[in-house]
Amino acid sequence: MSVPDGVGDPERRADVLRENGGPLGRIDPVIGRLAQDFDLVIADRALDQLFADLSKEPDLGAVCDELMLSYVGFTFWDVLTFPIAQREGGEFNEIRVDRISPDDCRAIREGGAAAMLKGVDFNHFGAFFSRRHRENDYLWGRLHGAERVIDLLVDAARIGRASGALDVRSLKKQAFLAILDTEAAHLTDSDELFTSLRAEIARI
């Protein structure tokens, strides 16, 4: 069972806007025509029919039961939980956000991007003028990526009460040294950087 032709058709919506003077023209006729165009009542009926047709499929019994429970039951769940969530001031499931940035990577060197990256100069075009600068930023990028991945995994392990006695600094040092060993043969203009980094990593 498909959604009826024309429901939510982008070309029809564009025609409605043009006929009524664009998005800043006469808003009431636009809203009325768009409501007619979308016709959510027909869309709802089409979706209900789709669920009804699926329920007749003999091989989809358990799947259809789960879909129907979630589809029909959502309204009841929402009515019960929304007021509680509003009163408590937040969602039931916390959404965690992490970033991978040189400003969050302090294991080797403090100071953020300005203390490590060459590309921050000349309005972030500094690394384009020198292979050595590009190698510098590439290598720091690998080191920063490894550090943040370890941080994220350790954080997830702590949430799951599985971190135990992890030696995070040791893990980072091993990862950093492995990266240096791998890249040393390829980044041929960065001998001084490798020497400096090995000394800094040894002090972690």
N, C-alpha and C. Protein backbone atom coordinates (compact mmCIF):
# COMPACT_ATOMS: atom_id res chain seq x y z
N MET A 1 0.86 -1.19 0.00
CA MET A 1 0.00 0.00 0.00
C MET A 1 0.89 1.23 0.00
N SER A 2 0.80 2.08 -1.01
CA SER A 2 1.65 3.26 -1.11
C SER A 2 0.88 4.50 -0.69
N VAL A 3 1.65 5.54 -0.36
CA VAL A 3 1.03 6.82 -0.04
C VAL A 3 0.43 7.40 -1.31
N PRO A 4 -0.76 7.99 -1.24
CA PRO A 4 -1.43 8.50 -2.44
C PRO A 4 -0.54 9.49 -3.19
N ASP A 5 -0.69 9.50 -4.53
CA ASP A 5 0.10 10.40 -5.37
C ASP A 5 -0.12 11.85 -4.96
N GLY A 6 0.98 12.59 -4.94
CA GLY A 6 0.87 14.02 -4.67
C GLY A 6 1.06 14.40 -3.23
N VAL A 7 0.89 13.46 -2.29
CA VAL A 7 1.01 13.80 -0.88
C VAL A 7 2.46 14.15 -0.58
N GLY A 8 2.69 15.38 -0.16
CA GLY A 8 4.04 15.81 0.17
C GLY A 8 4.94 16.01 -1.04
N ASP A 9 4.37 16.18 -2.22
CA ASP A 9 5.15 16.32 -3.44
C ASP A 9 5.88 17.67 -3.42
N PRO A 10 7.23 17.69 -3.46
CA PRO A 10 7.98 18.95 -3.40
C PRO A 10 7.65 19.90 -4.54
N GLU A 11 7.40 19.36 -5.75
CA GLU A 11 7.10 20.23 -6.88
C GLU A 11 5.77 20.94 -6.69
N ARG A 12 4.81 20.23 -6.12
CA ARG A 12 3.52 20.87 -5.87
C ARG A 12 3.65 21.94 -4.81
N ARG A 13 4.47 21.70 -3.78
CA ARG A 13 4.65 22.72 -2.75
C ARG A 13 5.31 23.96 -3.35
N ALA A 14 6.29 23.75 -4.26
CA ALA A 14 6.94 24.89 -4.90
C ALA A 14 5.94 25.69 -5.73
N ASP A 15 5.03 24.98 -6.44
CA ASP A 15 4.00 25.67 -7.22
C ASP A 15 3.10 26.51 -6.32
N VAL A 16 2.75 25.98 -5.16
CA VAL A 16 1.90 26.72 -4.22
C VAL A 16 2.58 28.01 -3.79
N LEU A 17 3.87 27.92 -3.46
CA LEU A 17 4.61 29.11 -3.03
C LEU A 17 4.67 30.15 -4.13
N ARG A 18 4.93 29.71 -5.37
CA ARG A 18 5.01 30.65 -6.48
C ARG A 18 3.67 31.33 -6.73
N GLU A 19 2.59 30.57 -6.65
CA GLU A 19 1.27 31.12 -6.91
C GLU A 19 0.86 32.16 -5.88
N ASN A 20 1.44 32.08 -4.68
CA ASN A 20 1.02 32.97 -3.60
C ASN A 20 2.11 33.97 -3.21
N GLY A 21 2.99 34.28 -4.12
CA GLY A 21 3.95 35.34 -3.88
C GLY A 21 5.17 34.91 -3.11
N GLY A 22 5.50 33.63 -3.09
CA GLY A 22 6.70 33.18 -2.40
C GLY A 22 6.47 33.00 -0.92
N PRO A 23 7.50 32.57 -0.18
CA PRO A 23 7.36 32.26 1.24
C PRO A 23 7.02 33.47 2.09
N LEU A 24 7.28 34.69 1.57
CA LEU A 24 6.96 35.89 2.34
C LEU A 24 5.69 36.56 1.83
N GLY A 25 4.96 35.89 0.98
CA GLY A 25 3.72 36.45 0.45
C GLY A 25 2.55 36.22 1.37
N ARG A 26 1.41 35.85 0.81
CA ARG A 26 0.18 35.64 1.59
C ARG A 26 0.27 34.29 2.28
N ILE A 27 0.50 34.30 3.59
CA ILE A 27 0.81 33.06 4.30
C ILE A 27 -0.41 32.17 4.49
N ASP A 28 -1.58 32.75 4.73
CA ASP A 28 -2.76 31.92 5.00
C ASP A 28 -3.14 31.03 3.83
N PRO A 29 -3.20 31.56 2.60
CA PRO A 29 -3.49 30.66 1.48
C PRO A 29 -2.42 29.59 1.30
N VAL A 30 -1.17 29.96 1.56
CA VAL A 30 -0.09 28.99 1.42
C VAL A 30 -0.28 27.84 2.40
N ILE A 31 -0.54 28.16 3.67
CA ILE A 31 -0.75 27.12 4.68
C ILE A 31 -1.93 26.24 4.31
N GLY A 32 -3.01 26.88 3.85
CA GLY A 32 -4.19 26.10 3.48
C GLY A 32 -3.92 25.16 2.33
N ARG A 33 -3.21 25.65 1.29
CA ARG A 33 -2.91 24.80 0.16
C ARG A 33 -1.93 23.68 0.53
N LEU A 34 -0.94 24.00 1.38
CA LEU A 34 0.01 22.98 1.80
C LEU A 34 -0.69 21.90 2.63
N ALA A 35 -1.61 22.31 3.50
CA ALA A 35 -2.36 21.32 4.28
C ALA A 35 -3.15 20.40 3.36
N GLN A 36 -3.72 20.99 2.32
CA GLN A 36 -4.46 20.17 1.35
C GLN A 36 -3.52 19.26 0.59
N ASP A 37 -2.33 19.78 0.27
CA ASP A 37 -1.35 19.01 -0.49
C ASP A 37 -0.84 17.82 0.33
N PHE A 38 -0.47 18.08 1.58
CA PHE A 38 0.02 17.00 2.43
C PHE A 38 -1.09 15.99 2.75
N ASP A 39 -2.29 16.50 3.05
CA ASP A 39 -3.45 15.66 3.39
C ASP A 39 -3.05 14.56 4.36
N LEU A 40 -2.72 14.94 5.57
CA LEU A 40 -2.24 14.00 6.57
C LEU A 40 -3.28 12.96 6.93
N VAL A 41 -4.55 13.30 6.76
CA VAL A 41 -5.60 12.31 7.06
C VAL A 41 -5.45 11.12 6.12
N ILE A 42 -5.27 11.40 4.83
CA ILE A 42 -5.10 10.32 3.85
C ILE A 42 -3.81 9.56 4.14
N ALA A 43 -2.74 10.30 4.49
CA ALA A 43 -1.47 9.64 4.80
C ALA A 43 -1.61 8.70 6.00
N ASP A 44 -2.34 9.14 7.02
CA ASP A 44 -2.56 8.29 8.19
C ASP A 44 -3.34 7.03 7.81
N ARG A 45 -4.36 7.21 6.99
CA ARG A 45 -5.15 6.05 6.58
C ARG A 45 -4.30 5.09 5.75
N ALA A 46 -3.45 5.64 4.90
CA ALA A 46 -2.58 4.79 4.08
C ALA A 46 -1.63 3.99 4.96
N LEU A 47 -1.10 4.63 6.01
CA LEU A 47 -0.19 3.93 6.92
C LEU A 47 -0.93 2.85 7.70
N ASP A 48 -2.14 3.17 8.15
CA ASP A 48 -2.95 2.16 8.84
C ASP A 48 -3.22 0.97 7.94
N GLN A 49 -3.51 1.24 6.67
CA GLN A 49 -3.77 0.15 5.73
C GLN A 49 -2.53 -0.68 5.51
N LEU A 50 -1.36 -0.01 5.48
CA LEU A 50 -0.10 -0.72 5.31
C LEU A 50 0.12 -1.69 6.47
N PHE A 51 -0.13 -1.24 7.69
CA PHE A 51 0.01 -2.13 8.85
C PHE A 51 -0.98 -3.28 8.77
N ALA A 52 -2.19 -2.97 8.35
CA ALA A 52 -3.21 -4.02 8.25
C ALA A 52 -2.80 -5.07 7.22
N ASP A 53 -2.25 -4.64 6.10
CA ASP A 53 -1.82 -5.57 5.06
C ASP A 53 -0.65 -6.42 5.55
N LEU A 54 0.27 -5.79 6.28
CA LEU A 54 1.41 -6.54 6.80
C LEU A 54 0.98 -7.62 7.78
N SER A 55 -0.05 -7.32 8.56
CA SER A 55 -0.49 -8.27 9.57
C SER A 55 -1.05 -9.56 8.96
N LYS A 56 -1.37 -9.52 7.67
CA LYS A 56 -1.92 -10.70 7.00
C LYS A 56 -0.82 -11.60 6.45
N GLU A 57 0.43 -11.12 6.48
CA GLU A 57 1.53 -11.92 5.98
C GLU A 57 1.90 -13.00 7.00
N PRO A 58 1.81 -14.28 6.62
CA PRO A 58 2.03 -15.36 7.59
C PRO A 58 3.46 -15.41 8.12
N ASP A 59 4.42 -14.96 7.35
CA ASP A 59 5.83 -15.06 7.78
C ASP A 59 6.28 -13.88 8.62
N LEU A 60 5.41 -12.91 8.84
CA LEU A 60 5.82 -11.69 9.56
C LEU A 60 5.06 -11.52 10.87
N GLY A 61 4.57 -12.61 11.42
CA GLY A 61 3.73 -12.51 12.61
C GLY A 61 4.39 -11.79 13.77
N ALA A 62 5.58 -12.27 14.20
CA ALA A 62 6.25 -11.69 15.35
C ALA A 62 6.70 -10.26 15.06
N VAL A 63 7.18 -10.03 13.84
CA VAL A 63 7.62 -8.68 13.47
C VAL A 63 6.44 -7.71 13.47
N CYS A 64 5.32 -8.15 12.91
CA CYS A 64 4.13 -7.30 12.86
C CYS A 64 3.61 -7.00 14.26
N ASP A 65 3.66 -7.99 15.15
CA ASP A 65 3.22 -7.75 16.52
C ASP A 65 4.05 -6.67 17.17
N GLU A 66 5.38 -6.74 16.96
CA GLU A 66 6.28 -5.75 17.56
C GLU A 66 6.04 -4.37 16.96
N LEU A 67 5.87 -4.31 15.62
CA LEU A 67 5.60 -3.04 14.97
C LEU A 67 4.28 -2.44 15.44
N MET A 68 3.26 -3.28 15.52
CA MET A 68 1.95 -2.80 15.92
C MET A 68 1.96 -2.29 17.37
N LEU A 69 2.67 -3.02 18.23
CA LEU A 69 2.77 -2.60 19.63
C LEU A 69 3.44 -1.24 19.73
N SER A 70 4.50 -1.04 18.97
CA SER A 70 5.22 0.23 19.02
C SER A 70 4.40 1.35 18.36
N TYR A 71 3.75 1.03 17.25
CA TYR A 71 3.01 2.05 16.51
C TYR A 71 1.76 2.49 17.26
N VAL A 72 0.97 1.53 17.67
CA VAL A 72 -0.26 1.87 18.39
C VAL A 72 0.05 2.30 19.82
N GLY A 73 1.05 1.64 20.43
CA GLY A 73 1.33 1.92 21.83
C GLY A 73 2.07 3.22 22.07
N PHE A 74 2.66 3.80 21.01
CA PHE A 74 3.43 5.02 21.23
C PHE A 74 2.58 6.13 21.82
N THR A 75 1.36 6.26 21.33
CA THR A 75 0.48 7.33 21.82
C THR A 75 0.28 7.21 23.33
N PHE A 76 0.02 5.99 23.80
CA PHE A 76 -0.19 5.79 25.24
C PHE A 76 1.10 6.04 26.02
N TRP A 77 2.22 5.56 25.47
CA TRP A 77 3.52 5.77 26.12
C TRP A 77 3.83 7.27 26.21
N ASP A 78 3.56 7.99 25.11
CA ASP A 78 3.87 9.41 25.08
C ASP A 78 3.01 10.18 26.08
N VAL A 79 1.73 9.83 26.16
CA VAL A 79 0.82 10.51 27.10
C VAL A 79 1.29 10.32 28.54
N LEU A 80 1.84 9.14 28.83
CA LEU A 80 2.28 8.86 30.20
C LEU A 80 3.64 9.49 30.51
N THR A 81 4.55 9.43 29.57
CA THR A 81 5.92 9.83 29.88
C THR A 81 6.21 11.30 29.65
N PHE A 82 5.51 11.94 28.72
CA PHE A 82 5.83 13.34 28.42
C PHE A 82 5.65 14.25 29.64
N PRO A 83 4.55 14.16 30.36
CA PRO A 83 4.42 15.04 31.54
C PRO A 83 5.51 14.77 32.59
N ILE A 84 5.91 13.49 32.72
CA ILE A 84 6.96 13.16 33.69
C ILE A 84 8.28 13.78 33.26
N ALA A 85 8.58 13.65 31.97
CA ALA A 85 9.83 14.22 31.46
C ALA A 85 9.85 15.73 31.61
N GLN A 86 8.71 16.36 31.38
CA GLN A 86 8.64 17.81 31.54
C GLN A 86 8.88 18.23 32.98
N ARG A 87 8.30 17.47 33.90
CA ARG A 87 8.44 17.80 35.32
C ARG A 87 9.87 17.59 35.80
N GLU A 88 10.50 16.52 35.30
CA GLU A 88 11.87 16.23 35.71
C GLU A 88 12.90 17.11 35.00
N GLY A 89 12.49 17.75 33.91
CA GLY A 89 13.37 18.68 33.22
C GLY A 89 14.37 18.04 32.28
N GLY A 90 14.10 16.85 31.76
CA GLY A 90 15.06 16.23 30.85
C GLY A 90 14.54 14.95 30.24
N GLU A 91 15.38 14.34 29.42
CA GLU A 91 15.03 13.09 28.76
C GLU A 91 15.36 11.90 29.67
N PHE A 92 14.71 10.78 29.40
CA PHE A 92 15.00 9.56 30.15
C PHE A 92 16.38 9.00 29.77
N ASN A 93 16.70 9.06 28.50
CA ASN A 93 17.96 8.52 28.01
C ASN A 93 18.94 9.67 27.74
N GLU A 94 20.02 9.70 28.48
CA GLU A 94 21.01 10.75 28.31
C GLU A 94 21.71 10.61 26.96
N ILE A 95 21.86 11.73 26.28
CA ILE A 95 22.58 11.76 25.01
C ILE A 95 23.95 12.34 25.27
N ARG A 96 24.96 11.52 25.08
CA ARG A 96 26.33 11.94 25.36
C ARG A 96 27.00 12.39 24.06
N VAL A 97 27.71 13.50 24.13
CA VAL A 97 28.38 14.05 22.97
C VAL A 97 29.88 14.15 23.28
N ASP A 98 30.68 13.62 22.39
CA ASP A 98 32.14 13.71 22.52
C ASP A 98 32.69 14.29 21.23
N ARG A 99 33.83 14.93 21.33
CA ARG A 99 34.46 15.48 20.14
C ARG A 99 35.92 15.04 20.09
N ILE A 100 36.46 15.08 18.88
CA ILE A 100 37.88 14.81 18.68
C ILE A 100 38.52 16.11 18.24
N SER A 101 39.26 16.72 19.14
CA SER A 101 39.83 18.03 18.90
C SER A 101 41.19 18.13 19.58
N PRO A 102 42.15 18.84 18.98
CA PRO A 102 43.44 19.02 19.65
C PRO A 102 43.31 19.76 20.97
N ASP A 103 42.25 20.54 21.12
CA ASP A 103 42.05 21.26 22.37
C ASP A 103 41.70 20.34 23.54
N ASP A 104 41.30 19.10 23.22
CA ASP A 104 40.97 18.13 24.27
C ASP A 104 42.09 17.13 24.51
N CYS A 105 43.18 17.25 23.78
CA CYS A 105 44.28 16.28 23.86
C CYS A 105 45.46 16.90 24.59
N ARG A 106 45.70 16.45 25.80
CA ARG A 106 46.72 17.06 26.65
C ARG A 106 47.76 16.06 27.14
N ALA A 107 47.68 14.82 26.69
CA ALA A 107 48.59 13.80 27.21
C ALA A 107 50.04 14.08 26.85
N ILE A 108 50.28 14.57 25.64
CA ILE A 108 51.66 14.82 25.19
C ILE A 108 52.07 16.26 25.48
N ARG A 109 51.21 17.20 25.11
CA ARG A 109 51.58 18.60 25.23
C ARG A 109 50.34 19.44 25.53
N GLU A 110 50.47 20.39 26.41
CA GLU A 110 49.39 21.32 26.72
C GLU A 110 49.39 22.46 25.69
N GLY A 111 48.29 23.17 25.65
CA GLY A 111 48.24 24.37 24.82
C GLY A 111 47.29 24.33 23.66
N GLY A 112 46.69 23.17 23.38
CA GLY A 112 45.73 23.08 22.30
C GLY A 112 46.35 23.20 20.92
N ALA A 113 45.51 23.52 19.94
CA ALA A 113 45.94 23.53 18.55
C ALA A 113 47.10 24.50 18.31
N ALA A 114 47.06 25.65 18.96
CA ALA A 114 48.09 26.66 18.71
C ALA A 114 49.47 26.18 19.10
N ALA A 115 49.57 25.27 20.07
CA ALA A 115 50.86 24.80 20.54
C ALA A 115 51.40 23.63 19.72
N MET A 116 50.58 23.07 18.83
CA MET A 116 50.99 21.86 18.12
C MET A 116 50.87 21.94 16.61
N LEU A 117 49.88 22.63 16.11
CA LEU A 117 49.58 22.59 14.68
C LEU A 117 50.12 23.82 13.96
N LYS A 118 50.67 23.58 12.77
CA LYS A 118 51.19 24.66 11.94
C LYS A 118 50.09 25.27 11.07
N GLY A 119 49.06 24.49 10.80
CA GLY A 119 48.01 24.96 9.91
C GLY A 119 47.13 26.05 10.48
N VAL A 120 47.30 26.38 11.76
CA VAL A 120 46.47 27.44 12.34
C VAL A 120 46.96 28.82 11.92
N ASP A 121 48.17 28.91 11.35
CA ASP A 121 48.70 30.20 10.92
C ASP A 121 48.08 30.61 9.58
N PHE A 122 48.24 31.87 9.25
CA PHE A 122 47.76 32.41 7.97
C PHE A 122 46.30 32.03 7.72
N ASN A 123 45.48 32.29 8.72
CA ASN A 123 44.04 32.02 8.59
C ASN A 123 43.77 30.56 8.23
N HIS A 124 44.49 29.67 8.91
CA HIS A 124 44.34 28.21 8.76
C HIS A 124 44.84 27.70 7.40
N PHE A 125 45.71 28.44 6.73
CA PHE A 125 46.31 27.97 5.49
C PHE A 125 47.82 27.77 5.63
N GLY A 126 48.34 27.87 6.85
CA GLY A 126 49.76 27.82 7.06
C GLY A 126 50.42 26.54 6.57
N ALA A 127 49.75 25.41 6.71
CA ALA A 127 50.37 24.12 6.36
C ALA A 127 50.46 23.89 4.86
N PHE A 128 49.78 24.71 4.06
CA PHE A 128 49.83 24.52 2.62
C PHE A 128 51.18 24.94 2.03
N PHE A 129 51.95 25.71 2.76
CA PHE A 129 53.17 26.28 2.21
C PHE A 129 54.42 25.46 2.52
N SER A 130 54.26 24.33 3.22
CA SER A 130 55.45 23.58 3.62
C SER A 130 55.10 22.12 3.82
N ARG A 131 55.88 21.24 3.19
CA ARG A 131 55.68 19.81 3.42
C ARG A 131 55.91 19.47 4.89
N ARG A 132 56.93 20.10 5.49
CA ARG A 132 57.24 19.82 6.89
C ARG A 132 56.06 20.19 7.78
N HIS A 133 55.40 21.28 7.46
CA HIS A 133 54.23 21.69 8.24
C HIS A 133 53.07 20.72 8.04
N ARG A 134 52.90 20.25 6.81
CA ARG A 134 51.82 19.28 6.56
C ARG A 134 52.09 17.97 7.29
N GLU A 135 53.35 17.54 7.26
CA GLU A 135 53.70 16.32 8.00
C GLU A 135 53.46 16.51 9.49
N ASN A 136 53.79 17.67 10.00
CA ASN A 136 53.57 17.98 11.42
C ASN A 136 52.10 17.82 11.79
N ASP A 137 51.25 18.45 11.01
CA ASP A 137 49.82 18.42 11.35
C ASP A 137 49.21 17.04 11.15
N TYR A 138 49.67 16.33 10.12
CA TYR A 138 49.19 14.97 9.90
C TYR A 138 49.55 14.07 11.08
N LEU A 139 50.81 14.15 11.54
CA LEU A 139 51.25 13.30 12.63
C LEU A 139 50.52 13.64 13.92
N TRP A 140 50.38 14.92 14.20
CA TRP A 140 49.61 15.31 15.39
C TRP A 140 48.16 14.84 15.28
N GLY A 141 47.62 14.88 14.08
CA GLY A 141 46.25 14.39 13.91
C GLY A 141 46.11 12.93 14.27
N ARG A 142 47.08 12.11 13.87
CA ARG A 142 47.04 10.69 14.23
C ARG A 142 47.16 10.51 15.74
N LEU A 143 48.05 11.25 16.35
CA LEU A 143 48.24 11.13 17.80
C LEU A 143 46.99 11.59 18.56
N HIS A 144 46.42 12.69 18.12
CA HIS A 144 45.21 13.19 18.77
C HIS A 144 44.04 12.22 18.59
N GLY A 145 43.91 11.67 17.39
CA GLY A 145 42.84 10.71 17.16
C GLY A 145 42.97 9.50 18.06
N ALA A 146 44.20 8.99 18.20
CA ALA A 146 44.41 7.82 19.08
C ALA A 146 44.09 8.17 20.52
N GLU A 147 44.52 9.35 20.96
CA GLU A 147 44.25 9.74 22.36
C GLU A 147 42.76 9.83 22.64
N ARG A 148 42.02 10.47 21.72
CA ARG A 148 40.58 10.64 21.96
C ARG A 148 39.83 9.31 21.88
N VAL A 149 40.24 8.43 20.96
CA VAL A 149 39.59 7.12 20.88
C VAL A 149 39.79 6.35 22.19
N ILE A 150 41.00 6.40 22.73
CA ILE A 150 41.26 5.73 24.02
C ILE A 150 40.41 6.36 25.11
N ASP A 151 40.34 7.69 25.13
CA ASP A 151 39.51 8.37 26.13
C ASP A 151 38.06 7.94 26.04
N LEU A 152 37.53 7.87 24.83
CA LEU A 152 36.12 7.50 24.64
C LEU A 152 35.86 6.06 25.07
N LEU A 153 36.77 5.15 24.72
CA LEU A 153 36.59 3.75 25.09
C LEU A 153 36.70 3.56 26.60
N VAL A 154 37.64 4.25 27.23
CA VAL A 154 37.79 4.14 28.68
C VAL A 154 36.57 4.72 29.38
N ASP A 155 36.06 5.83 28.85
CA ASP A 155 34.87 6.44 29.43
C ASP A 155 33.68 5.49 29.33
N ALA A 156 33.52 4.85 28.17
CA ALA A 156 32.43 3.88 28.01
C ALA A 156 32.61 2.69 28.95
N ALA A 157 33.85 2.26 29.14
CA ALA A 157 34.10 1.14 30.06
C ALA A 157 33.75 1.52 31.48
N ARG A 158 34.04 2.76 31.87
CA ARG A 158 33.70 3.20 33.23
C ARG A 158 32.19 3.24 33.44
N ILE A 159 31.48 3.72 32.41
CA ILE A 159 30.02 3.75 32.52
C ILE A 159 29.47 2.33 32.68
N GLY A 160 30.08 1.39 31.98
CA GLY A 160 29.65 0.00 32.07
C GLY A 160 30.29 -0.77 33.21
N ARG A 161 31.00 -0.03 34.08
CA ARG A 161 31.65 -0.64 35.25
C ARG A 161 32.61 -1.75 34.85
N ALA A 162 33.28 -1.56 33.71
CA ALA A 162 34.19 -2.59 33.23
C ALA A 162 35.62 -2.07 33.08
N SER A 163 35.88 -0.88 33.62
CA SER A 163 37.20 -0.29 33.41
C SER A 163 38.28 -0.97 34.25
N GLY A 164 37.89 -1.51 35.42
CA GLY A 164 38.86 -2.20 36.27
C GLY A 164 40.01 -1.28 36.63
N ALA A 165 41.22 -1.80 36.51
CA ALA A 165 42.41 -1.03 36.86
C ALA A 165 43.18 -0.67 35.61
N LEU A 166 42.51 -0.09 34.64
CA LEU A 166 43.16 0.28 33.38
C LEU A 166 44.21 1.37 33.62
N ASP A 167 45.37 1.16 33.06
CA ASP A 167 46.42 2.17 33.10
C ASP A 167 46.33 2.98 31.81
N VAL A 168 45.55 4.05 31.87
CA VAL A 168 45.24 4.82 30.67
C VAL A 168 46.49 5.46 30.10
N ARG A 169 47.35 6.00 30.95
CA ARG A 169 48.57 6.63 30.45
C ARG A 169 49.47 5.63 29.72
N SER A 170 49.55 4.41 30.24
CA SER A 170 50.35 3.39 29.58
C SER A 170 49.76 3.03 28.22
N LEU A 171 48.44 2.93 28.15
CA LEU A 171 47.79 2.63 26.87
C LEU A 171 48.08 3.72 25.85
N LYS A 172 48.00 4.96 26.28
CA LYS A 172 48.25 6.07 25.37
C LYS A 172 49.71 6.07 24.90
N LYS A 173 50.63 5.84 25.82
CA LYS A 173 52.04 5.82 25.43
C LYS A 173 52.30 4.73 24.40
N GLN A 174 51.73 3.55 24.60
CA GLN A 174 51.92 2.47 23.63
C GLN A 174 51.37 2.86 22.26
N ALA A 175 50.19 3.47 22.27
CA ALA A 175 49.58 3.89 21.00
C ALA A 175 50.42 4.96 20.32
N PHE A 176 50.88 5.94 21.09
CA PHE A 176 51.69 7.02 20.52
C PHE A 176 52.98 6.49 19.90
N LEU A 177 53.67 5.62 20.63
CA LEU A 177 54.94 5.09 20.13
C LEU A 177 54.73 4.22 18.89
N ALA A 178 53.63 3.47 18.87
CA ALA A 178 53.32 2.64 17.69
C ALA A 178 53.09 3.52 16.46
N ILE A 179 52.42 4.65 16.67
CA ILE A 179 52.19 5.58 15.56
C ILE A 179 53.51 6.17 15.06
N LEU A 180 54.37 6.58 15.99
CA LEU A 180 55.66 7.13 15.59
C LEU A 180 56.49 6.10 14.83
N ASP A 181 56.49 4.87 15.32
CA ASP A 181 57.25 3.81 14.64
C ASP A 181 56.73 3.57 13.23
N THR A 182 55.42 3.64 13.07
CA THR A 182 54.80 3.39 11.76
C THR A 182 55.09 4.52 10.78
N GLU A 183 55.04 5.76 11.26
CA GLU A 183 55.13 6.91 10.37
C GLU A 183 56.56 7.39 10.13
N ALA A 184 57.52 6.94 10.92
CA ALA A 184 58.88 7.46 10.82
C ALA A 184 59.47 7.29 9.42
N ALA A 185 59.17 6.19 8.77
CA ALA A 185 59.74 5.94 7.45
C ALA A 185 59.07 6.75 6.34
N HIS A 186 57.91 7.32 6.62
CA HIS A 186 57.14 8.02 5.59
C HIS A 186 57.24 9.54 5.70
N LEU A 187 57.37 10.05 6.91
CA LEU A 187 57.43 11.50 7.11
C LEU A 187 58.89 11.92 7.17
N THR A 188 59.47 12.08 6.00
CA THR A 188 60.93 12.22 5.90
C THR A 188 61.44 13.62 6.24
N ASP A 189 60.56 14.60 6.36
CA ASP A 189 61.00 15.96 6.68
C ASP A 189 60.75 16.32 8.14
N SER A 190 60.56 15.33 8.99
CA SER A 190 60.13 15.62 10.36
C SER A 190 60.99 14.95 11.42
N ASP A 191 62.29 14.83 11.15
CA ASP A 191 63.17 14.16 12.12
C ASP A 191 63.16 14.87 13.48
N GLU A 192 63.23 16.19 13.46
CA GLU A 192 63.24 16.93 14.71
C GLU A 192 61.94 16.73 15.48
N LEU A 193 60.83 16.70 14.76
CA LEU A 193 59.53 16.50 15.40
C LEU A 193 59.47 15.13 16.07
N PHE A 194 59.94 14.10 15.38
CA PHE A 194 59.93 12.75 15.97
C PHE A 194 60.79 12.71 17.23
N THR A 195 61.95 13.34 17.20
CA THR A 195 62.82 13.36 18.38
C THR A 195 62.14 14.06 19.54
N SER A 196 61.52 15.20 19.26
CA SER A 196 60.82 15.96 20.30
C SER A 196 59.65 15.17 20.87
N LEU A 197 58.88 14.54 19.99
CA LEU A 197 57.72 13.80 20.45
C LEU A 197 58.12 12.59 21.30
N ARG A 198 59.14 11.89 20.89
CA ARG A 198 59.58 10.73 21.69
C ARG A 198 60.01 11.17 23.08
N ALA A 199 60.67 12.32 23.18
CA ALA A 199 61.08 12.82 24.49
C ALA A 199 59.87 13.21 25.33
N GLU A 200 58.89 13.85 24.71
CA GLU A 200 57.68 14.27 25.44
C GLU A 200 56.86 13.06 25.86
N ILE A 201 56.75 12.07 24.99
CA ILE A 201 55.98 10.86 25.32
C ILE A 201 56.65 10.09 26.45
N ALA A 202 57.98 10.08 26.49
CA ALA A 202 58.69 9.39 27.56
C ALA A 202 58.40 9.99 28.92
N ARG A 203 58.02 11.26 28.94
CA ARG A 203 57.75 11.94 30.22
C ARG A 203 56.31 11.76 30.69
N ILE A 204 55.47 11.13 29.89
CA ILE A 204 54.06 10.95 30.28
C ILE A 204 53.99 10.06 31.54
